Each structure stands twice: as structure tokens, then as C-alpha cells.
Amino acid sequence: MLTIHRRYTYPPAMEQVRTGEQIPPSSGGAVSTTAASAKDRVESALSRLESMVEQRLLAEAERANELAKRLDRLERQHDALKNVAIEVEGRLERAMEYIRSLLAADQK
């Protein structure tokens, strides 16, 4: 019978992963300098992201205001056209009644 000896990739007792603030200080200054540099880069990236989001929000708010103004203008135009259509419809009905009365008088 063959026995396979496997090397374990995990330590015998699983250790909980610590966050950056929980890592104990190391004896080497290079690691803390690297961590500080990484933290600075992350802070810089977050700052840029926040500014991009704020710019996008401002642009979208401006666009929403422009669309609201356009919608208001279109609604006013729609109401004006609706009033014109009602007026034209009334005039056409009166004209048709007049033509009917003329035809009826002509047939008598």
C-alpha cells in the first residue's frame, strides 16, 4: 500500500486575518513606510473618487433642472395646442351645421 505524504498549506490552527490597524508594529521601518504609502494612495484614490462623484452629481442635477424646464415648456405648448384644437373643432362643427342647413334649405 502506498502512502502519500501531503504538505498542508494552512497552519494547524487557523488564524483570523487582521485588518491594517490591528497588525502589530514590525521591527522593520520599510514595512510601515510601505503601509503608509499604500494608505496614502488609497486616501488619494478615495478623494479623487469622491470628487468625481460630486462632479457627476452636479452634472446630473443640472441636467435634471434643464429637463424639468424643457418639460414645463412642452407642457405649456401642449396646453396651447390643445386649446387651438378645441377652437378649430368648434369652428368646424359650426361650419358643418351651416352647410347642412344650406343643403336642407336647398332641398326644400
PDB file of N, CA and C in Angstrom:
ATOM      1  N   MET A   1       0.832  -1.172   0.000  1.00  0.00           N
ATOM      2  CA  MET A   1       0.000   0.000   0.000  1.00  0.00           C
ATOM      3  C   MET A   1       0.881   1.241   0.000  1.00  0.00           C
ATOM      4  N   LEU A   2       0.483   2.199  -0.847  1.00  0.00           N
ATOM      5  CA  LEU A   2       1.250   3.439  -0.942  1.00  0.00           C
ATOM      6  C   LEU A   2       0.682   4.480  -0.012  1.00  0.00           C
ATOM      7  N   THR A   3       1.541   5.210   0.612  1.00  0.00           N
ATOM      8  CA  THR A   3       1.112   6.300   1.480  1.00  0.00           C
ATOM      9  C   THR A   3       1.622   7.598   0.885  1.00  0.00           C
ATOM     10  N   ILE A   4       0.706   8.542   0.765  1.00  0.00           N
ATOM     11  CA  ILE A   4       1.085   9.842   0.214  1.00  0.00           C
ATOM     12  C   ILE A   4       1.183  10.827   1.365  1.00  0.00           C
ATOM     13  N   HIS A   5       2.333  11.419   1.460  1.00  0.00           N
ATOM     14  CA  HIS A   5       2.506  12.447   2.477  1.00  0.00           C
ATOM     15  C   HIS A   5       2.189  13.791   1.839  1.00  0.00           C
ATOM     16  N   ARG A   6       1.208  14.464   2.405  1.00  0.00           N
ATOM     17  CA  ARG A   6       0.811  15.779   1.874  1.00  0.00           C
ATOM     18  C   ARG A   6       1.299  16.870   2.794  1.00  0.00           C
ATOM     19  N   ARG A   7       1.688  17.905   2.160  1.00  0.00           N
ATOM     20  CA  ARG A   7       2.116  19.060   2.930  1.00  0.00           C
ATOM     21  C   ARG A   7       0.917  19.982   3.050  1.00  0.00           C
ATOM     22  N   TYR A   8       0.574  20.369   4.245  1.00  0.00           N
ATOM     23  CA  TYR A   8      -0.594  21.227   4.457  1.00  0.00           C
ATOM     24  C   TYR A   8      -0.242  22.664   4.108  1.00  0.00           C
ATOM     25  N   THR A   9      -1.177  23.314   3.405  1.00  0.00           N
ATOM     26  CA  THR A   9      -0.942  24.715   3.039  1.00  0.00           C
ATOM     27  C   THR A   9      -1.439  25.670   4.106  1.00  0.00           C
ATOM     28  N   TYR A  10      -2.305  25.194   4.983  1.00  0.00           N
ATOM     29  CA  TYR A  10      -2.821  26.029   6.059  1.00  0.00           C
ATOM     30  C   TYR A  10      -2.123  25.662   7.356  1.00  0.00           C
ATOM     31  N   PRO A  11      -1.923  26.637   8.220  1.00  0.00           N
ATOM     32  CA  PRO A  11      -1.335  26.305   9.525  1.00  0.00           C
ATOM     33  C   PRO A  11      -2.305  25.435  10.319  1.00  0.00           C
ATOM     34  N   PRO A  12      -1.799  24.671  11.252  1.00  0.00           N
ATOM     35  CA  PRO A  12      -2.665  23.754  12.001  1.00  0.00           C
ATOM     36  C   PRO A  12      -3.837  24.478  12.678  1.00  0.00           C
ATOM     37  N   ALA A  13      -3.608  25.615  13.244  1.00  0.00           N
ATOM     38  CA  ALA A  13      -4.688  26.386  13.867  1.00  0.00           C
ATOM     39  C   ALA A  13      -4.942  27.601  12.981  1.00  0.00           C
ATOM     40  N   MET A  14      -6.159  27.739  12.488  1.00  0.00           N
ATOM     41  CA  MET A  14      -6.476  28.847  11.602  1.00  0.00           C
ATOM     42  C   MET A  14      -6.424  30.152  12.386  1.00  0.00           C
ATOM     43  N   GLU A  15      -5.704  31.096  11.834  1.00  0.00           N
ATOM     44  CA  GLU A  15      -5.614  32.404  12.473  1.00  0.00           C
ATOM     45  C   GLU A  15      -6.533  33.368  11.754  1.00  0.00           C
ATOM     46  N   GLN A  16      -7.126  34.261  12.528  1.00  0.00           N
ATOM     47  CA  GLN A  16      -8.004  35.257  11.943  1.00  0.00           C
ATOM     48  C   GLN A  16      -7.146  36.320  11.274  1.00  0.00           C
ATOM     49  N   VAL A  17      -7.574  36.745  10.095  1.00  0.00           N
ATOM     50  CA  VAL A  17      -6.852  37.781   9.371  1.00  0.00           C
ATOM     51  C   VAL A  17      -7.101  39.098  10.066  1.00  0.00           C
ATOM     52  N   ARG A  18      -6.062  39.850  10.258  1.00  0.00           N
ATOM     53  CA  ARG A  18      -6.180  41.134  10.952  1.00  0.00           C
ATOM     54  C   ARG A  18      -6.241  42.269   9.941  1.00  0.00           C
ATOM     55  N   THR A  19      -6.976  43.291  10.299  1.00  0.00           N
ATOM     56  CA  THR A  19      -7.029  44.463   9.428  1.00  0.00           C
ATOM     57  C   THR A  19      -5.766  45.270   9.611  1.00  0.00           C
ATOM     58  N   GLY A  20      -5.568  46.273   8.756  1.00  0.00           N
ATOM     59  CA  GLY A  20      -4.351  47.075   8.781  1.00  0.00           C
ATOM     60  C   GLY A  20      -4.092  47.731  10.122  1.00  0.00           C
ATOM     61  N   GLU A  21      -5.154  48.117  10.825  1.00  0.00           N
ATOM     62  CA  GLU A  21      -4.963  48.789  12.106  1.00  0.00           C
ATOM     63  C   GLU A  21      -4.611  47.803  13.216  1.00  0.00           C
ATOM     64  N   GLN A  22      -4.909  46.515  13.022  1.00  0.00           N
ATOM     65  CA  GLN A  22      -4.651  45.515  14.048  1.00  0.00           C
ATOM     66  C   GLN A  22      -3.297  44.845  13.905  1.00  0.00           C
ATOM     67  N   ILE A  23      -2.601  45.113  12.821  1.00  0.00           N
ATOM     68  CA  ILE A  23      -1.310  44.486  12.608  1.00  0.00           C
ATOM     69  C   ILE A  23      -0.319  45.068  13.613  1.00  0.00           C
ATOM     70  N   PRO A  24       0.362  44.191  14.345  1.00  0.00           N
ATOM     71  CA  PRO A  24       1.334  44.707  15.313  1.00  0.00           C
ATOM     72  C   PRO A  24       2.499  45.370  14.582  1.00  0.00           C
ATOM     73  N   PRO A  25       3.080  46.375  15.189  1.00  0.00           N
ATOM     74  CA  PRO A  25       4.198  47.055  14.535  1.00  0.00           C
ATOM     75  C   PRO A  25       5.359  46.081  14.323  1.00  0.00           C
ATOM     76  N   SER A  26       5.951  46.177  13.146  1.00  0.00           N
ATOM     77  CA  SER A  26       7.061  45.278  12.838  1.00  0.00           C
ATOM     78  C   SER A  26       8.373  45.938  13.230  1.00  0.00           C
ATOM     79  N   SER A  27       9.366  45.161  13.210  1.00  0.00           N
ATOM     80  CA  SER A  27      10.668  45.687  13.601  1.00  0.00           C
ATOM     81  C   SER A  27      11.309  46.474  12.476  1.00  0.00           C
ATOM     82  N   GLY A  28      10.859  46.247  11.223  1.00  0.00           N
ATOM     83  CA  GLY A  28      11.451  46.939  10.080  1.00  0.00           C
ATOM     84  C   GLY A  28      10.661  48.182   9.730  1.00  0.00           C
ATOM     85  N   GLY A  29      11.343  49.271   9.461  1.00  0.00           N
ATOM     86  CA  GLY A  29      10.690  50.510   9.093  1.00  0.00           C
ATOM     87  C   GLY A  29      10.182  50.491   7.664  1.00  0.00           C
ATOM     88  N   ALA A  30      10.717  49.605   6.822  1.00  0.00           N
ATOM     89  CA  ALA A  30      10.320  49.555   5.420  1.00  0.00           C
ATOM     90  C   ALA A  30       8.870  49.112   5.281  1.00  0.00           C
ATOM     91  N   VAL A  31       8.452  48.183   6.123  1.00  0.00           N
ATOM     92  CA  VAL A  31       7.080  47.690   6.032  1.00  0.00           C
ATOM     93  C   VAL A  31       6.113  48.790   6.436  1.00  0.00           C
ATOM     94  N   SER A  32       6.407  49.523   7.519  1.00  0.00           N
ATOM     95  CA  SER A  32       5.497  50.586   7.945  1.00  0.00           C
ATOM     96  C   SER A  32       5.493  51.728   6.937  1.00  0.00           C
ATOM     97  N   THR A  33       6.632  51.989   6.282  1.00  0.00           N
ATOM     98  CA  THR A  33       6.690  53.015   5.243  1.00  0.00           C
ATOM     99  C   THR A  33       5.856  52.582   4.049  1.00  0.00           C
ATOM    100  N   THR A  34       5.937  51.311   3.690  1.00  0.00           N
ATOM    101  CA  THR A  34       5.152  50.789   2.581  1.00  0.00           C
ATOM    102  C   THR A  34       3.664  50.847   2.912  1.00  0.00           C
ATOM    103  N   ALA A  35       3.323  50.494   4.137  1.00  0.00           N
ATOM    104  CA  ALA A  35       1.924  50.546   4.558  1.00  0.00           C
ATOM    105  C   ALA A  35       1.419  51.976   4.534  1.00  0.00           C
ATOM    106  N   ALA A  36       2.225  52.907   4.998  1.00  0.00           N
ATOM    107  CA  ALA A  36       1.830  54.316   4.992  1.00  0.00           C
ATOM    108  C   ALA A  36       1.669  54.817   3.566  1.00  0.00           C
ATOM    109  N   SER A  37       2.572  54.392   2.692  1.00  0.00           N
ATOM    110  CA  SER A  37       2.481  54.785   1.294  1.00  0.00           C
ATOM    111  C   SER A  37       1.217  54.219   0.657  1.00  0.00           C
ATOM    112  N   ALA A  38       0.924  52.972   0.954  1.00  0.00           N
ATOM    113  CA  ALA A  38      -0.298  52.352   0.416  1.00  0.00           C
ATOM    114  C   ALA A  38      -1.529  53.058   0.955  1.00  0.00           C
ATOM    115  N   LYS A  39      -1.503  53.399   2.240  1.00  0.00           N
ATOM    116  CA  LYS A  39      -2.628  54.106   2.852  1.00  0.00           C
ATOM    117  C   LYS A  39      -2.809  55.472   2.194  1.00  0.00           C
ATOM    118  N   ASP A  40      -1.720  56.164   1.919  1.00  0.00           N
ATOM    119  CA  ASP A  40      -1.789  57.467   1.251  1.00  0.00           C
ATOM    120  C   ASP A  40      -2.370  57.328  -0.152  1.00  0.00           C
ATOM    121  N   ARG A  41      -1.966  56.292  -0.863  1.00  0.00           N
ATOM    122  CA  ARG A  41      -2.500  56.073  -2.213  1.00  0.00           C
ATOM    123  C   ARG A  41      -3.991  55.777  -2.174  1.00  0.00           C
ATOM    124  N   VAL A  42      -4.407  54.979  -1.201  1.00  0.00           N
ATOM    125  CA  VAL A  42      -5.828  54.666  -1.056  1.00  0.00           C
ATOM    126  C   VAL A  42      -6.606  55.935  -0.722  1.00  0.00           C
ATOM    127  N   GLU A  43      -6.099  56.740   0.210  1.00  0.00           N
ATOM    128  CA  GLU A  43      -6.752  58.001   0.574  1.00  0.00           C
ATOM    129  C   GLU A  43      -6.853  58.920  -0.639  1.00  0.00           C
ATOM    130  N   SER A  44      -5.785  58.991  -1.426  1.00  0.00           N
ATOM    131  CA  SER A  44      -5.786  59.822  -2.625  1.00  0.00           C
ATOM    132  C   SER A  44      -6.812  59.323  -3.633  1.00  0.00           C
ATOM    133  N   ALA A  45      -6.867  58.017  -3.824  1.00  0.00           N
ATOM    134  CA  ALA A  45      -7.829  57.439  -4.762  1.00  0.00           C
ATOM    135  C   ALA A  45      -9.257  57.690  -4.292  1.00  0.00           C
ATOM    136  N   LEU A  46      -9.499  57.551  -2.999  1.00  0.00           N
ATOM    137  CA  LEU A  46     -10.835  57.814  -2.458  1.00  0.00           C
ATOM    138  C   LEU A  46     -11.211  59.276  -2.636  1.00  0.00           C
ATOM    139  N   SER A  47     -10.265  60.152  -2.410  1.00  0.00           N
ATOM    140  CA  SER A  47     -10.524  61.581  -2.578  1.00  0.00           C
ATOM    141  C   SER A  47     -10.882  61.898  -4.028  1.00  0.00           C
ATOM    142  N   ARG A  48     -10.120  61.329  -4.969  1.00  0.00           N
ATOM    143  CA  ARG A  48     -10.419  61.542  -6.392  1.00  0.00           C
ATOM    144  C   ARG A  48     -11.791  60.970  -6.750  1.00  0.00           C
ATOM    145  N   LEU A  49     -12.096  59.807  -6.223  1.00  0.00           N
ATOM    146  CA  LEU A  49     -13.390  59.183  -6.481  1.00  0.00           C
ATOM    147  C   LEU A  49     -14.531  60.040  -5.939  1.00  0.00           C
ATOM    148  N   GLU A  50     -14.364  60.550  -4.720  1.00  0.00           N
ATOM    149  CA  GLU A  50     -15.395  61.422  -4.136  1.00  0.00           C
ATOM    150  C   GLU A  50     -15.594  62.664  -4.983  1.00  0.00           C
ATOM    151  N   SER A  51     -14.513  63.260  -5.470  1.00  0.00           N
ATOM    152  CA  SER A  51     -14.641  64.460  -6.283  1.00  0.00           C
ATOM    153  C   SER A  51     -15.303  64.143  -7.608  1.00  0.00           C
ATOM    154  N   MET A  52     -15.003  62.972  -8.191  1.00  0.00           N
ATOM    155  CA  MET A  52     -15.660  62.566  -9.436  1.00  0.00           C
ATOM    156  C   MET A  52     -17.155  62.356  -9.217  1.00  0.00           C
ATOM    157  N   VAL A  53     -17.515  61.745  -8.098  1.00  0.00           N
ATOM    158  CA  VAL A  53     -18.923  61.505  -7.782  1.00  0.00           C
ATOM    159  C   VAL A  53     -19.646  62.833  -7.585  1.00  0.00           C
ATOM    160  N   GLU A  54     -19.022  63.770  -6.878  1.00  0.00           N
ATOM    161  CA  GLU A  54     -19.628  65.085  -6.672  1.00  0.00           C
ATOM    162  C   GLU A  54     -19.825  65.814  -7.995  1.00  0.00           C
ATOM    163  N   GLN A  55     -18.834  65.752  -8.880  1.00  0.00           N
ATOM    164  CA  GLN A  55     -18.967  66.384 -10.192  1.00  0.00           C
ATOM    165  C   GLN A  55     -20.098  65.744 -10.978  1.00  0.00           C
ATOM    166  N   ARG A  56     -20.193  64.432 -10.911  1.00  0.00           N
ATOM    167  CA  ARG A  56     -21.256  63.723 -11.633  1.00  0.00           C
ATOM    168  C   ARG A  56     -22.618  64.106 -11.074  1.00  0.00           C
ATOM    169  N   LEU A  57     -22.722  64.205  -9.745  1.00  0.00           N
ATOM    170  CA  LEU A  57     -23.991  64.593  -9.130  1.00  0.00           C
ATOM    171  C   LEU A  57     -24.394  66.004  -9.545  1.00  0.00           C
ATOM    172  N   LEU A  58     -23.432  66.911  -9.580  1.00  0.00           N
ATOM    173  CA  LEU A  58     -23.725  68.278 -10.013  1.00  0.00           C
ATOM    174  C   LEU A  58     -24.177  68.298 -11.470  1.00  0.00           C
ATOM    175  N   ALA A  59     -23.492  67.553 -12.314  1.00  0.00           N
ATOM    176  CA  ALA A  59     -23.856  67.494 -13.731  1.00  0.00           C
ATOM    177  C   ALA A  59     -25.255  66.899 -13.902  1.00  0.00           C
ATOM    178  N   GLU A  60     -25.551  65.848 -13.156  1.00  0.00           N
ATOM    179  CA  GLU A  60     -26.867  65.221 -13.254  1.00  0.00           C
ATOM    180  C   GLU A  60     -27.958  66.137 -12.710  1.00  0.00           C
ATOM    181  N   ALA A  61     -27.657  66.888 -11.642  1.00  0.00           N
ATOM    182  CA  ALA A  61     -28.636  67.828 -11.101  1.00  0.00           C
ATOM    183  C   ALA A  61     -28.915  68.936 -12.116  1.00  0.00           C
ATOM    184  N   GLU A  62     -27.873  69.430 -12.766  1.00  0.00           N
ATOM    185  CA  GLU A  62     -28.044  70.454 -13.796  1.00  0.00           C
ATOM    186  C   GLU A  62     -28.865  69.899 -14.961  1.00  0.00           C
ATOM    187  N   ARG A  63     -28.571  68.688 -15.362  1.00  0.00           N
ATOM    188  CA  ARG A  63     -29.319  68.060 -16.453  1.00  0.00           C
ATOM    189  C   ARG A  63     -30.782  67.868 -16.064  1.00  0.00           C
ATOM    190  N   ALA A  64     -31.027  67.472 -14.821  1.00  0.00           N
ATOM    191  CA  ALA A  64     -32.402  67.286 -14.346  1.00  0.00           C
ATOM    192  C   ALA A  64     -33.148  68.623 -14.362  1.00  0.00           C
ATOM    193  N   ASN A  65     -32.473  69.704 -13.963  1.00  0.00           N
ATOM    194  CA  ASN A  65     -33.107  71.026 -13.994  1.00  0.00           C
ATOM    195  C   ASN A  65     -33.447  71.431 -15.422  1.00  0.00           C
ATOM    196  N   GLU A  66     -32.521  71.192 -16.344  1.00  0.00           N
ATOM    197  CA  GLU A  66     -32.776  71.518 -17.751  1.00  0.00           C
ATOM    198  C   GLU A  66     -33.944  70.705 -18.300  1.00  0.00           C
ATOM    199  N   LEU A  67     -34.001  69.421 -17.945  1.00  0.00           N
ATOM    200  CA  LEU A  67     -35.106  68.579 -18.402  1.00  0.00           C
ATOM    201  C   LEU A  67     -36.431  69.027 -17.801  1.00  0.00           C
ATOM    202  N   ALA A  68     -36.414  69.467 -16.548  1.00  0.00           N
ATOM    203  CA  ALA A  68     -37.633  69.960 -15.908  1.00  0.00           C
ATOM    204  C   ALA A  68     -38.123  71.226 -16.607  1.00  0.00           C
ATOM    205  N   LYS A  69     -37.197  72.129 -16.959  1.00  0.00           N
ATOM    206  CA  LYS A  69     -37.575  73.344 -17.682  1.00  0.00           C
ATOM    207  C   LYS A  69     -38.149  72.997 -19.049  1.00  0.00           C
ATOM    208  N   ARG A  70     -37.505  72.056 -19.724  1.00  0.00           N
ATOM    209  CA  ARG A  70     -37.980  71.649 -21.053  1.00  0.00           C
ATOM    210  C   ARG A  70     -39.362  71.011 -20.958  1.00  0.00           C
ATOM    211  N   LEU A  71     -39.560  70.170 -19.950  1.00  0.00           N
ATOM    212  CA  LEU A  71     -40.850  69.528 -19.754  1.00  0.00           C
ATOM    213  C   LEU A  71     -41.930  70.571 -19.492  1.00  0.00           C
ATOM    214  N   ASP A  72     -41.625  71.567 -18.674  1.00  0.00           N
ATOM    215  CA  ASP A  72     -42.584  72.633 -18.384  1.00  0.00           C
ATOM    216  C   ASP A  72     -42.960  73.375 -19.667  1.00  0.00           C
ATOM    217  N   ARG A  73     -41.952  73.708 -20.478  1.00  0.00           N
ATOM    218  CA  ARG A  73     -42.201  74.407 -21.741  1.00  0.00           C
ATOM    219  C   ARG A  73     -43.057  73.552 -22.675  1.00  0.00           C
ATOM    220  N   LEU A  74     -42.743  72.252 -22.771  1.00  0.00           N
ATOM    221  CA  LEU A  74     -43.512  71.361 -23.635  1.00  0.00           C
ATOM    222  C   LEU A  74     -44.952  71.199 -23.137  1.00  0.00           C
ATOM    223  N   GLU A  75     -45.132  71.158 -21.829  1.00  0.00           N
ATOM    224  CA  GLU A  75     -46.489  71.051 -21.285  1.00  0.00           C
ATOM    225  C   GLU A  75     -47.298  72.302 -21.605  1.00  0.00           C
ATOM    226  N   ARG A  76     -46.663  73.479 -21.513  1.00  0.00           N
ATOM    227  CA  ARG A  76     -47.362  74.721 -21.863  1.00  0.00           C
ATOM    228  C   ARG A  76     -47.723  74.738 -23.344  1.00  0.00           C
ATOM    229  N   GLN A  77     -46.793  74.286 -24.194  1.00  0.00           N
ATOM    230  CA  GLN A  77     -47.074  74.224 -25.625  1.00  0.00           C
ATOM    231  C   GLN A  77     -48.208  73.237 -25.912  1.00  0.00           C
ATOM    232  N   HIS A  78     -48.200  72.112 -25.211  1.00  0.00           N
ATOM    233  CA  HIS A  78     -49.252  71.115 -25.379  1.00  0.00           C
ATOM    234  C   HIS A  78     -50.611  71.705 -25.015  1.00  0.00           C
ATOM    235  N   ASP A  79     -50.667  72.421 -23.905  1.00  0.00           N
ATOM    236  CA  ASP A  79     -51.934  73.046 -23.497  1.00  0.00           C
ATOM    237  C   ASP A  79     -52.400  74.066 -24.534  1.00  0.00           C
ATOM    238  N   ALA A  80     -51.461  74.853 -25.072  1.00  0.00           N
ATOM    239  CA  ALA A  80     -51.818  75.848 -26.082  1.00  0.00           C
ATOM    240  C   ALA A  80     -52.348  75.157 -27.339  1.00  0.00           C
ATOM    241  N   LEU A  81     -51.680  74.101 -27.770  1.00  0.00           N
ATOM    242  CA  LEU A  81     -52.138  73.367 -28.955  1.00  0.00           C
ATOM    243  C   LEU A  81     -53.486  72.697 -28.715  1.00  0.00           C
ATOM    244  N   LYS A  82     -53.682  72.213 -27.513  1.00  0.00           N
ATOM    245  CA  LYS A  82     -54.954  71.590 -27.156  1.00  0.00           C
ATOM    246  C   LYS A  82     -56.078  72.626 -27.253  1.00  0.00           C
ATOM    247  N   ASN A  83     -55.825  73.834 -26.758  1.00  0.00           N
ATOM    248  CA  ASN A  83     -56.829  74.906 -26.836  1.00  0.00           C
ATOM    249  C   ASN A  83     -57.127  75.263 -28.291  1.00  0.00           C
ATOM    250  N   VAL A  84     -56.080  75.318 -29.117  1.00  0.00           N
ATOM    251  CA  VAL A  84     -56.281  75.615 -30.540  1.00  0.00           C
ATOM    252  C   VAL A  84     -57.107  74.507 -31.192  1.00  0.00           C
ATOM    253  N   ALA A  85     -56.797  73.251 -30.859  1.00  0.00           N
ATOM    254  CA  ALA A  85     -57.538  72.123 -31.432  1.00  0.00           C
ATOM    255  C   ALA A  85     -59.010  72.179 -31.035  1.00  0.00           C
ATOM    256  N   ILE A  86     -59.291  72.538 -29.799  1.00  0.00           N
ATOM    257  CA  ILE A  86     -60.681  72.645 -29.339  1.00  0.00           C
ATOM    258  C   ILE A  86     -61.404  73.756 -30.106  1.00  0.00           C
ATOM    259  N   GLU A  87     -60.717  74.879 -30.279  1.00  0.00           N
ATOM    260  CA  GLU A  87     -61.300  76.001 -31.014  1.00  0.00           C
ATOM    261  C   GLU A  87     -61.577  75.614 -32.475  1.00  0.00           C
ATOM    262  N   VAL A  88     -60.614  74.962 -33.120  1.00  0.00           N
ATOM    263  CA  VAL A  88     -60.783  74.538 -34.522  1.00  0.00           C
ATOM    264  C   VAL A  88     -61.928  73.536 -34.630  1.00  0.00           C
ATOM    265  N   GLU A  89     -61.995  72.604 -33.688  1.00  0.00           N
ATOM    266  CA  GLU A  89     -63.076  71.614 -33.701  1.00  0.00           C
ATOM    267  C   GLU A  89     -64.441  72.298 -33.610  1.00  0.00           C
ATOM    268  N   GLY A  90     -64.558  73.278 -32.741  1.00  0.00           N
ATOM    269  CA  GLY A  90     -65.819  74.024 -32.612  1.00  0.00           C
ATOM    270  C   GLY A  90     -66.175  74.760 -33.893  1.00  0.00           C
ATOM    271  N   ARG A  91     -65.191  75.400 -34.503  1.00  0.00           N
ATOM    272  CA  ARG A  91     -65.438  76.125 -35.753  1.00  0.00           C
ATOM    273  C   ARG A  91     -65.854  75.170 -36.868  1.00  0.00           C
ATOM    274  N   LEU A  92     -65.203  74.003 -36.930  1.00  0.00           N
ATOM    275  CA  LEU A  92     -65.581  73.013 -37.947  1.00  0.00           C
ATOM    276  C   LEU A  92     -67.008  72.509 -37.738  1.00  0.00           C
ATOM    277  N   GLU A  93     -67.377  72.265 -36.499  1.00  0.00           N
ATOM    278  CA  GLU A  93     -68.737  71.811 -36.217  1.00  0.00           C
ATOM    279  C   GLU A  93     -69.758  72.868 -36.634  1.00  0.00           C
ATOM    280  N   ARG A  94     -69.475  74.139 -36.345  1.00  0.00           N
ATOM    281  CA  ARG A  94     -70.379  75.217 -36.737  1.00  0.00           C
ATOM    282  C   ARG A  94     -70.457  75.317 -38.260  1.00  0.00           C
ATOM    283  N   ALA A  95     -69.329  75.165 -38.929  1.00  0.00           N
ATOM    284  CA  ALA A  95     -69.316  75.234 -40.394  1.00  0.00           C
ATOM    285  C   ALA A  95     -70.117  74.075 -40.990  1.00  0.00           C
ATOM    286  N   MET A  96     -69.970  72.883 -40.418  1.00  0.00           N
ATOM    287  CA  MET A  96     -70.725  71.732 -40.920  1.00  0.00           C
ATOM    288  C   MET A  96     -72.222  71.926 -40.694  1.00  0.00           C
ATOM    289  N   GLU A  97     -72.597  72.472 -39.570  1.00  0.00           N
ATOM    290  CA  GLU A  97     -74.014  72.752 -39.307  1.00  0.00           C
ATOM    291  C   GLU A  97     -74.552  73.770 -40.319  1.00  0.00           C
ATOM    292  N   TYR A  98     -73.747  74.769 -40.615  1.00  0.00           N
ATOM    293  CA  TYR A  98     -74.165  75.786 -41.577  1.00  0.00           C
ATOM    294  C   TYR A  98     -74.364  75.154 -42.964  1.00  0.00           C
ATOM    295  N   ILE A  99     -73.409  74.292 -43.360  1.00  0.00           N
ATOM    296  CA  ILE A  99     -73.511  73.609 -44.665  1.00  0.00           C
ATOM    297  C   ILE A  99     -74.738  72.708 -44.688  1.00  0.00           C
ATOM    298  N   ARG A 100     -75.009  71.988 -43.612  1.00  0.00           N
ATOM    299  CA  ARG A 100     -76.196  71.124 -43.533  1.00  0.00           C
ATOM    300  C   ARG A 100     -77.474  71.955 -43.666  1.00  0.00           C
ATOM    301  N   SER A 101     -77.491  73.095 -42.995  1.00  0.00           N
ATOM    302  CA  SER A 101     -78.689  73.944 -43.075  1.00  0.00           C
ATOM    303  C   SER A 101     -78.889  74.479 -44.492  1.00  0.00           C
ATOM    304  N   LEU A 102     -77.777  74.812 -45.177  1.00  0.00           N
ATOM    305  CA  LEU A 102     -77.875  75.282 -46.554  1.00  0.00           C
ATOM    306  C   LEU A 102     -78.395  74.174 -47.474  1.00  0.00           C
ATOM    307  N   LEU A 103     -77.860  72.944 -47.256  1.00  0.00           N
ATOM    308  CA  LEU A 103     -78.312  71.807 -48.068  1.00  0.00           C
ATOM    309  C   LEU A 103     -79.773  71.500 -47.798  1.00  0.00           C
ATOM    310  N   ALA A 104     -80.201  71.570 -46.569  1.00  0.00           N
ATOM    311  CA  ALA A 104     -81.587  71.279 -46.205  1.00  0.00           C
ATOM    312  C   ALA A 104     -82.514  72.343 -46.830  1.00  0.00           C
ATOM    313  N   ALA A 105     -82.068  73.598 -46.814  1.00  0.00           N
ATOM    314  CA  ALA A 105     -82.886  74.681 -47.389  1.00  0.00           C
ATOM    315  C   ALA A 105     -82.947  74.525 -48.892  1.00  0.00           C
ATOM    316  N   ASP A 106     -81.882  74.058 -49.493  1.00  0.00           N
ATOM    317  CA  ASP A 106     -81.834  73.888 -50.950  1.00  0.00           C
ATOM    318  C   ASP A 106     -82.748  72.747 -51.404  1.00  0.00           C
ATOM    319  N   GLN A 107     -82.883  71.712 -50.566  1.00  0.00           N
ATOM    320  CA  GLN A 107     -83.703  70.564 -50.915  1.00  0.00           C
ATOM    321  C   GLN A 107     -85.182  70.846 -50.771  1.00  0.00           C
ATOM    322  N   LYS A 108     -85.563  71.852 -50.003  1.00  0.00           N
ATOM    323  CA  LYS A 108     -86.998  72.177 -49.809  1.00  0.00           C
ATOM    324  C   LYS A 108     -87.538  72.908 -50.934  1.00  0.00           C
TER     325      LYS A 108
END
